[in-house]
Amino acid sequence: MTTILVVDDEYLIADILSFALEDEGFMVVTASNGQKGLEVLDRERPALIITDFMMPVMDGLEFATAVRSLSSSHHLPIILMSGAQAHIGMQRSDLFDAVLPKPFNIDVIIAEVRKLLSSNRGAVCD
């Protein structure tokens, strides 16, 4: 089963994403900020990451930078979901494979997840 890591400090958003992705057949693990996301990444083998931008402790930009610096996970597709900071993510294609707006459309997120997973199939570690 393909695992997705959702990093968001808003539990309701993380829960909605988790339920929707699980309904599509994915296993979902969550973290409430970038630092906890790195801890989960160390234990789990996600095939893709969805992260928020504005979070306490370590924001989405710092988290994505840290993920890209790790040899074990630098290849993982990262989706940034953000409201006001989406423009920052769009300027960082070296960090983010996709930038989606908040509030989000769950069908768009699922389509983007499927697209990125299919295009990254050679590097995926389930």
N, C-alpha and C. Protein backbone atom coordinates (compact mmCIF):
# COMPACT_ATOMS: atom_id res chain seq x y z
N MET A 1 0.84 -1.18 0.00
CA MET A 1 0.00 0.00 0.00
C MET A 1 0.89 1.24 0.00
N THR A 2 0.57 2.21 -0.81
CA THR A 2 1.33 3.44 -0.92
C THR A 2 1.02 4.36 0.25
N THR A 3 2.08 4.86 0.89
CA THR A 3 1.94 5.72 2.06
C THR A 3 2.17 7.18 1.68
N ILE A 4 1.33 8.04 2.23
CA ILE A 4 1.45 9.49 2.03
C ILE A 4 1.61 10.14 3.39
N LEU A 5 2.55 11.05 3.49
CA LEU A 5 2.78 11.82 4.71
C LEU A 5 2.10 13.18 4.56
N VAL A 6 1.18 13.50 5.49
CA VAL A 6 0.51 14.80 5.52
C VAL A 6 1.05 15.58 6.71
N VAL A 7 1.61 16.76 6.44
CA VAL A 7 2.18 17.60 7.49
C VAL A 7 1.37 18.90 7.54
N ASP A 8 0.59 19.06 8.60
CA ASP A 8 -0.25 20.25 8.75
C ASP A 8 -0.60 20.43 10.22
N ASP A 9 -0.48 21.63 10.72
CA ASP A 9 -0.79 21.89 12.14
C ASP A 9 -2.28 22.04 12.40
N GLU A 10 -3.07 22.13 11.35
CA GLU A 10 -4.53 22.19 11.52
C GLU A 10 -5.07 20.77 11.43
N TYR A 11 -5.44 20.22 12.60
CA TYR A 11 -5.85 18.81 12.67
C TYR A 11 -7.04 18.50 11.78
N LEU A 12 -7.97 19.42 11.67
CA LEU A 12 -9.14 19.19 10.84
C LEU A 12 -8.74 18.98 9.38
N ILE A 13 -7.83 19.80 8.89
CA ILE A 13 -7.36 19.66 7.51
C ILE A 13 -6.62 18.34 7.34
N ALA A 14 -5.75 18.00 8.29
CA ALA A 14 -5.03 16.72 8.21
C ALA A 14 -6.00 15.55 8.22
N ASP A 15 -7.04 15.64 9.04
CA ASP A 15 -8.04 14.57 9.10
C ASP A 15 -8.83 14.44 7.80
N ILE A 16 -9.26 15.57 7.25
CA ILE A 16 -10.01 15.55 6.00
C ILE A 16 -9.16 14.93 4.88
N LEU A 17 -7.91 15.38 4.78
CA LEU A 17 -7.01 14.81 3.77
C LEU A 17 -6.80 13.32 4.00
N SER A 18 -6.60 12.94 5.25
CA SER A 18 -6.37 11.53 5.57
C SER A 18 -7.56 10.67 5.16
N PHE A 19 -8.76 11.09 5.56
CA PHE A 19 -9.96 10.30 5.22
C PHE A 19 -10.13 10.18 3.71
N ALA A 20 -9.96 11.30 3.00
CA ALA A 20 -10.16 11.28 1.55
C ALA A 20 -9.11 10.40 0.86
N LEU A 21 -7.86 10.50 1.28
CA LEU A 21 -6.80 9.70 0.66
C LEU A 21 -6.94 8.22 1.02
N GLU A 22 -7.35 7.94 2.25
CA GLU A 22 -7.57 6.54 2.64
C GLU A 22 -8.72 5.94 1.84
N ASP A 23 -9.76 6.73 1.57
CA ASP A 23 -10.86 6.26 0.73
C ASP A 23 -10.38 5.90 -0.68
N GLU A 24 -9.29 6.52 -1.12
CA GLU A 24 -8.72 6.25 -2.44
C GLU A 24 -7.71 5.10 -2.41
N GLY A 25 -7.52 4.49 -1.23
CA GLY A 25 -6.65 3.33 -1.13
C GLY A 25 -5.24 3.60 -0.65
N PHE A 26 -4.96 4.81 -0.19
CA PHE A 26 -3.63 5.15 0.32
C PHE A 26 -3.59 4.96 1.84
N MET A 27 -2.41 4.69 2.34
CA MET A 27 -2.18 4.73 3.78
C MET A 27 -1.65 6.13 4.09
N VAL A 28 -2.14 6.75 5.15
CA VAL A 28 -1.74 8.12 5.47
C VAL A 28 -1.15 8.18 6.88
N VAL A 29 -0.02 8.85 6.99
CA VAL A 29 0.56 9.18 8.28
C VAL A 29 0.60 10.70 8.37
N THR A 30 0.42 11.23 9.58
CA THR A 30 0.35 12.68 9.73
C THR A 30 1.39 13.18 10.73
N ALA A 31 1.68 14.47 10.60
CA ALA A 31 2.55 15.17 11.54
C ALA A 31 2.05 16.60 11.65
N SER A 32 2.21 17.20 12.82
CA SER A 32 1.64 18.53 13.07
C SER A 32 2.58 19.69 12.76
N ASN A 33 3.83 19.40 12.41
CA ASN A 33 4.76 20.44 11.96
C ASN A 33 5.93 19.77 11.25
N GLY A 34 6.79 20.58 10.67
CA GLY A 34 7.89 20.04 9.88
C GLY A 34 8.85 19.18 10.68
N GLN A 35 9.14 19.57 11.92
CA GLN A 35 10.06 18.79 12.75
C GLN A 35 9.48 17.40 13.01
N LYS A 36 8.20 17.34 13.35
CA LYS A 36 7.56 16.04 13.57
C LYS A 36 7.48 15.27 12.24
N GLY A 37 7.31 16.00 11.14
CA GLY A 37 7.30 15.37 9.83
C GLY A 37 8.61 14.66 9.54
N LEU A 38 9.74 15.28 9.90
CA LEU A 38 11.04 14.64 9.71
C LEU A 38 11.17 13.39 10.57
N GLU A 39 10.60 13.43 11.78
CA GLU A 39 10.63 12.25 12.65
C GLU A 39 9.82 11.11 12.04
N VAL A 40 8.65 11.43 11.50
CA VAL A 40 7.82 10.41 10.84
C VAL A 40 8.54 9.87 9.61
N LEU A 41 9.15 10.76 8.86
CA LEU A 41 9.88 10.38 7.64
C LEU A 41 10.99 9.39 7.98
N ASP A 42 11.58 9.53 9.15
CA ASP A 42 12.65 8.65 9.59
C ASP A 42 12.11 7.24 9.89
N ARG A 43 10.85 7.14 10.32
CA ARG A 43 10.24 5.85 10.67
C ARG A 43 9.49 5.20 9.53
N GLU A 44 8.83 6.00 8.72
CA GLU A 44 7.95 5.51 7.66
C GLU A 44 8.64 5.62 6.30
N ARG A 45 8.01 5.05 5.31
CA ARG A 45 8.53 5.12 3.94
C ARG A 45 7.46 5.71 3.02
N PRO A 46 7.12 7.00 3.20
CA PRO A 46 6.08 7.56 2.33
C PRO A 46 6.57 7.67 0.89
N ALA A 47 5.62 7.60 -0.02
CA ALA A 47 5.92 7.76 -1.44
C ALA A 47 5.73 9.20 -1.87
N LEU A 48 5.06 10.00 -1.01
CA LEU A 48 4.73 11.38 -1.36
C LEU A 48 4.44 12.14 -0.07
N ILE A 49 4.70 13.45 -0.10
CA ILE A 49 4.46 14.32 1.06
C ILE A 49 3.52 15.45 0.64
N ILE A 50 2.55 15.74 1.49
CA ILE A 50 1.71 16.93 1.35
C ILE A 50 1.97 17.78 2.59
N THR A 51 2.39 19.02 2.40
CA THR A 51 2.70 19.87 3.54
C THR A 51 2.04 21.23 3.45
N ASP A 52 1.74 21.77 4.61
CA ASP A 52 1.27 23.14 4.75
C ASP A 52 2.50 24.04 4.74
N PHE A 53 2.29 25.35 4.62
CA PHE A 53 3.40 26.28 4.69
C PHE A 53 3.57 26.82 6.10
N MET A 54 2.53 27.48 6.60
CA MET A 54 2.59 28.12 7.92
C MET A 54 2.33 27.11 9.02
N MET A 55 3.40 26.76 9.77
CA MET A 55 3.30 25.82 10.89
C MET A 55 4.28 26.26 11.96
N PRO A 56 4.00 25.92 13.21
CA PRO A 56 4.96 26.22 14.28
C PRO A 56 6.17 25.30 14.20
N VAL A 57 7.22 25.63 14.90
CA VAL A 57 8.45 24.86 15.04
C VAL A 57 9.27 24.85 13.75
N MET A 58 8.73 24.29 12.68
CA MET A 58 9.41 24.25 11.38
C MET A 58 8.35 24.39 10.30
N ASP A 59 8.46 25.45 9.50
CA ASP A 59 7.44 25.67 8.47
C ASP A 59 7.68 24.78 7.25
N GLY A 60 6.76 24.87 6.30
CA GLY A 60 6.81 24.01 5.11
C GLY A 60 8.04 24.22 4.26
N LEU A 61 8.51 25.45 4.18
CA LEU A 61 9.71 25.74 3.39
C LEU A 61 10.94 25.10 4.04
N GLU A 62 11.07 25.25 5.34
CA GLU A 62 12.19 24.63 6.07
C GLU A 62 12.10 23.11 6.00
N PHE A 63 10.88 22.59 6.13
CA PHE A 63 10.67 21.15 6.07
C PHE A 63 11.08 20.60 4.70
N ALA A 64 10.60 21.22 3.62
CA ALA A 64 10.93 20.75 2.27
C ALA A 64 12.43 20.84 2.02
N THR A 65 13.06 21.89 2.50
CA THR A 65 14.52 22.02 2.36
C THR A 65 15.23 20.88 3.07
N ALA A 66 14.76 20.54 4.27
CA ALA A 66 15.36 19.44 5.03
C ALA A 66 15.15 18.10 4.31
N VAL A 67 13.94 17.88 3.79
CA VAL A 67 13.65 16.63 3.07
C VAL A 67 14.56 16.50 1.86
N ARG A 68 14.73 17.57 1.10
CA ARG A 68 15.57 17.54 -0.11
C ARG A 68 17.04 17.30 0.22
N SER A 69 17.46 17.62 1.45
CA SER A 69 18.86 17.43 1.82
C SER A 69 19.16 16.00 2.27
N LEU A 70 18.13 15.19 2.49
CA LEU A 70 18.31 13.81 2.93
C LEU A 70 18.44 12.88 1.71
N SER A 71 19.50 12.09 1.70
CA SER A 71 19.69 11.21 0.54
C SER A 71 18.57 10.17 0.43
N SER A 72 17.96 9.79 1.55
CA SER A 72 16.92 8.77 1.53
C SER A 72 15.58 9.30 1.02
N SER A 73 15.40 10.62 1.00
CA SER A 73 14.09 11.15 0.64
C SER A 73 14.12 12.33 -0.32
N HIS A 74 15.27 12.68 -0.84
CA HIS A 74 15.37 13.85 -1.71
C HIS A 74 14.52 13.72 -2.98
N HIS A 75 14.21 12.48 -3.37
CA HIS A 75 13.45 12.23 -4.61
C HIS A 75 11.94 12.29 -4.40
N LEU A 76 11.46 12.34 -3.16
CA LEU A 76 10.02 12.27 -2.90
C LEU A 76 9.28 13.48 -3.47
N PRO A 77 8.16 13.26 -4.12
CA PRO A 77 7.35 14.39 -4.55
C PRO A 77 6.77 15.10 -3.32
N ILE A 78 6.80 16.42 -3.35
CA ILE A 78 6.25 17.22 -2.26
C ILE A 78 5.21 18.17 -2.83
N ILE A 79 4.00 18.10 -2.27
CA ILE A 79 2.93 19.03 -2.62
C ILE A 79 2.81 20.05 -1.50
N LEU A 80 2.87 21.32 -1.84
CA LEU A 80 2.64 22.39 -0.88
C LEU A 80 1.20 22.84 -1.00
N MET A 81 0.51 22.88 0.14
CA MET A 81 -0.84 23.45 0.18
C MET A 81 -0.76 24.71 1.02
N SER A 82 -1.13 25.82 0.42
CA SER A 82 -1.00 27.07 1.16
C SER A 82 -1.99 28.10 0.66
N GLY A 83 -2.32 29.01 1.55
CA GLY A 83 -3.18 30.13 1.17
C GLY A 83 -2.32 31.29 0.71
N ALA A 84 -2.01 32.17 1.63
CA ALA A 84 -1.29 33.41 1.31
C ALA A 84 0.14 33.18 0.85
N GLN A 85 0.77 32.07 1.25
CA GLN A 85 2.18 31.85 0.91
C GLN A 85 2.38 31.00 -0.34
N ALA A 86 1.32 30.71 -1.06
CA ALA A 86 1.44 29.86 -2.25
C ALA A 86 2.43 30.43 -3.25
N HIS A 87 2.49 31.75 -3.37
CA HIS A 87 3.40 32.37 -4.34
C HIS A 87 4.86 32.06 -4.02
N ILE A 88 5.19 31.91 -2.74
CA ILE A 88 6.56 31.56 -2.36
C ILE A 88 6.88 30.14 -2.85
N GLY A 89 5.95 29.23 -2.64
CA GLY A 89 6.14 27.85 -3.09
C GLY A 89 6.27 27.74 -4.59
N MET A 90 5.51 28.56 -5.31
CA MET A 90 5.56 28.52 -6.78
C MET A 90 6.92 28.95 -7.31
N GLN A 91 7.63 29.75 -6.52
CA GLN A 91 8.97 30.20 -6.92
C GLN A 91 10.04 29.18 -6.57
N ARG A 92 9.65 28.10 -5.87
CA ARG A 92 10.62 27.10 -5.41
C ARG A 92 10.34 25.73 -6.01
N SER A 93 10.40 25.64 -7.33
CA SER A 93 10.16 24.36 -7.99
C SER A 93 11.25 23.34 -7.67
N ASP A 94 12.36 23.81 -7.10
CA ASP A 94 13.40 22.88 -6.64
C ASP A 94 12.96 22.13 -5.38
N LEU A 95 11.99 22.69 -4.66
CA LEU A 95 11.50 22.07 -3.43
C LEU A 95 10.14 21.40 -3.59
N PHE A 96 9.24 22.06 -4.32
CA PHE A 96 7.86 21.61 -4.40
C PHE A 96 7.52 21.15 -5.82
N ASP A 97 6.92 19.96 -5.91
CA ASP A 97 6.52 19.42 -7.21
C ASP A 97 5.18 19.98 -7.66
N ALA A 98 4.40 20.46 -6.69
CA ALA A 98 3.11 21.08 -6.98
C ALA A 98 2.76 22.02 -5.84
N VAL A 99 2.05 23.09 -6.17
CA VAL A 99 1.56 24.04 -5.17
C VAL A 99 0.07 24.17 -5.39
N LEU A 100 -0.71 23.84 -4.36
CA LEU A 100 -2.16 23.89 -4.44
C LEU A 100 -2.71 24.87 -3.42
N PRO A 101 -3.75 25.59 -3.79
CA PRO A 101 -4.28 26.63 -2.89
C PRO A 101 -5.12 26.05 -1.76
N LYS A 102 -5.16 26.80 -0.67
CA LYS A 102 -6.12 26.58 0.41
C LYS A 102 -7.09 27.74 0.33
N PRO A 103 -8.37 27.54 0.53
CA PRO A 103 -9.01 26.25 0.76
C PRO A 103 -8.86 25.35 -0.46
N PHE A 104 -8.80 24.07 -0.20
CA PHE A 104 -8.48 23.12 -1.27
C PHE A 104 -9.71 22.39 -1.80
N ASN A 105 -9.53 21.88 -3.00
CA ASN A 105 -10.51 21.02 -3.64
C ASN A 105 -9.94 19.60 -3.55
N ILE A 106 -10.60 18.73 -2.82
CA ILE A 106 -10.06 17.40 -2.57
C ILE A 106 -9.87 16.60 -3.86
N ASP A 107 -10.73 16.80 -4.84
CA ASP A 107 -10.58 16.08 -6.12
C ASP A 107 -9.31 16.51 -6.84
N VAL A 108 -8.96 17.79 -6.74
CA VAL A 108 -7.73 18.30 -7.36
C VAL A 108 -6.51 17.71 -6.65
N ILE A 109 -6.57 17.62 -5.34
CA ILE A 109 -5.45 17.05 -4.58
C ILE A 109 -5.26 15.58 -4.95
N ILE A 110 -6.32 14.82 -4.97
CA ILE A 110 -6.22 13.40 -5.31
C ILE A 110 -5.67 13.22 -6.73
N ALA A 111 -6.13 14.03 -7.66
CA ALA A 111 -5.63 13.95 -9.04
C ALA A 111 -4.14 14.27 -9.09
N GLU A 112 -3.71 15.29 -8.34
CA GLU A 112 -2.29 15.67 -8.31
C GLU A 112 -1.45 14.56 -7.66
N VAL A 113 -1.95 13.97 -6.59
CA VAL A 113 -1.25 12.86 -5.93
C VAL A 113 -1.06 11.72 -6.92
N ARG A 114 -2.12 11.33 -7.60
CA ARG A 114 -2.02 10.22 -8.57
C ARG A 114 -1.04 10.56 -9.70
N LYS A 115 -1.09 11.78 -10.19
CA LYS A 115 -0.20 12.20 -11.28
C LYS A 115 1.26 12.13 -10.83
N LEU A 116 1.55 12.67 -9.64
CA LEU A 116 2.94 12.69 -9.17
C LEU A 116 3.44 11.28 -8.85
N LEU A 117 2.58 10.44 -8.29
CA LEU A 117 2.99 9.08 -7.99
C LEU A 117 3.26 8.28 -9.26
N SER A 118 2.44 8.48 -10.28
CA SER A 118 2.66 7.74 -11.53
C SER A 118 3.91 8.24 -12.26
N SER A 119 4.20 9.52 -12.18
CA SER A 119 5.39 10.04 -12.86
C SER A 119 6.66 9.78 -12.07
N ASN A 120 6.51 9.43 -10.78
CA ASN A 120 7.67 9.18 -9.93
C ASN A 120 7.84 7.70 -9.63
N ARG A 121 7.15 6.86 -10.36
CA ARG A 121 7.08 5.43 -10.06
C ARG A 121 8.45 4.77 -9.91
N GLY A 122 9.42 5.17 -10.69
CA GLY A 122 10.73 4.55 -10.61
C GLY A 122 11.46 4.80 -9.30
N ALA A 123 11.13 5.89 -8.62
CA ALA A 123 11.83 6.23 -7.40
C ALA A 123 11.02 5.94 -6.14
N VAL A 124 9.81 5.44 -6.29
CA VAL A 124 8.94 5.23 -5.14
C VAL A 124 9.37 4.02 -4.33
N CYS A 125 9.39 4.19 -3.02
CA CYS A 125 9.68 3.08 -2.11
C CYS A 125 8.45 2.86 -1.24
N ASP A 126 7.63 1.90 -1.58
CA ASP A 126 6.41 1.64 -0.78
C ASP A 126 6.80 0.85 0.45
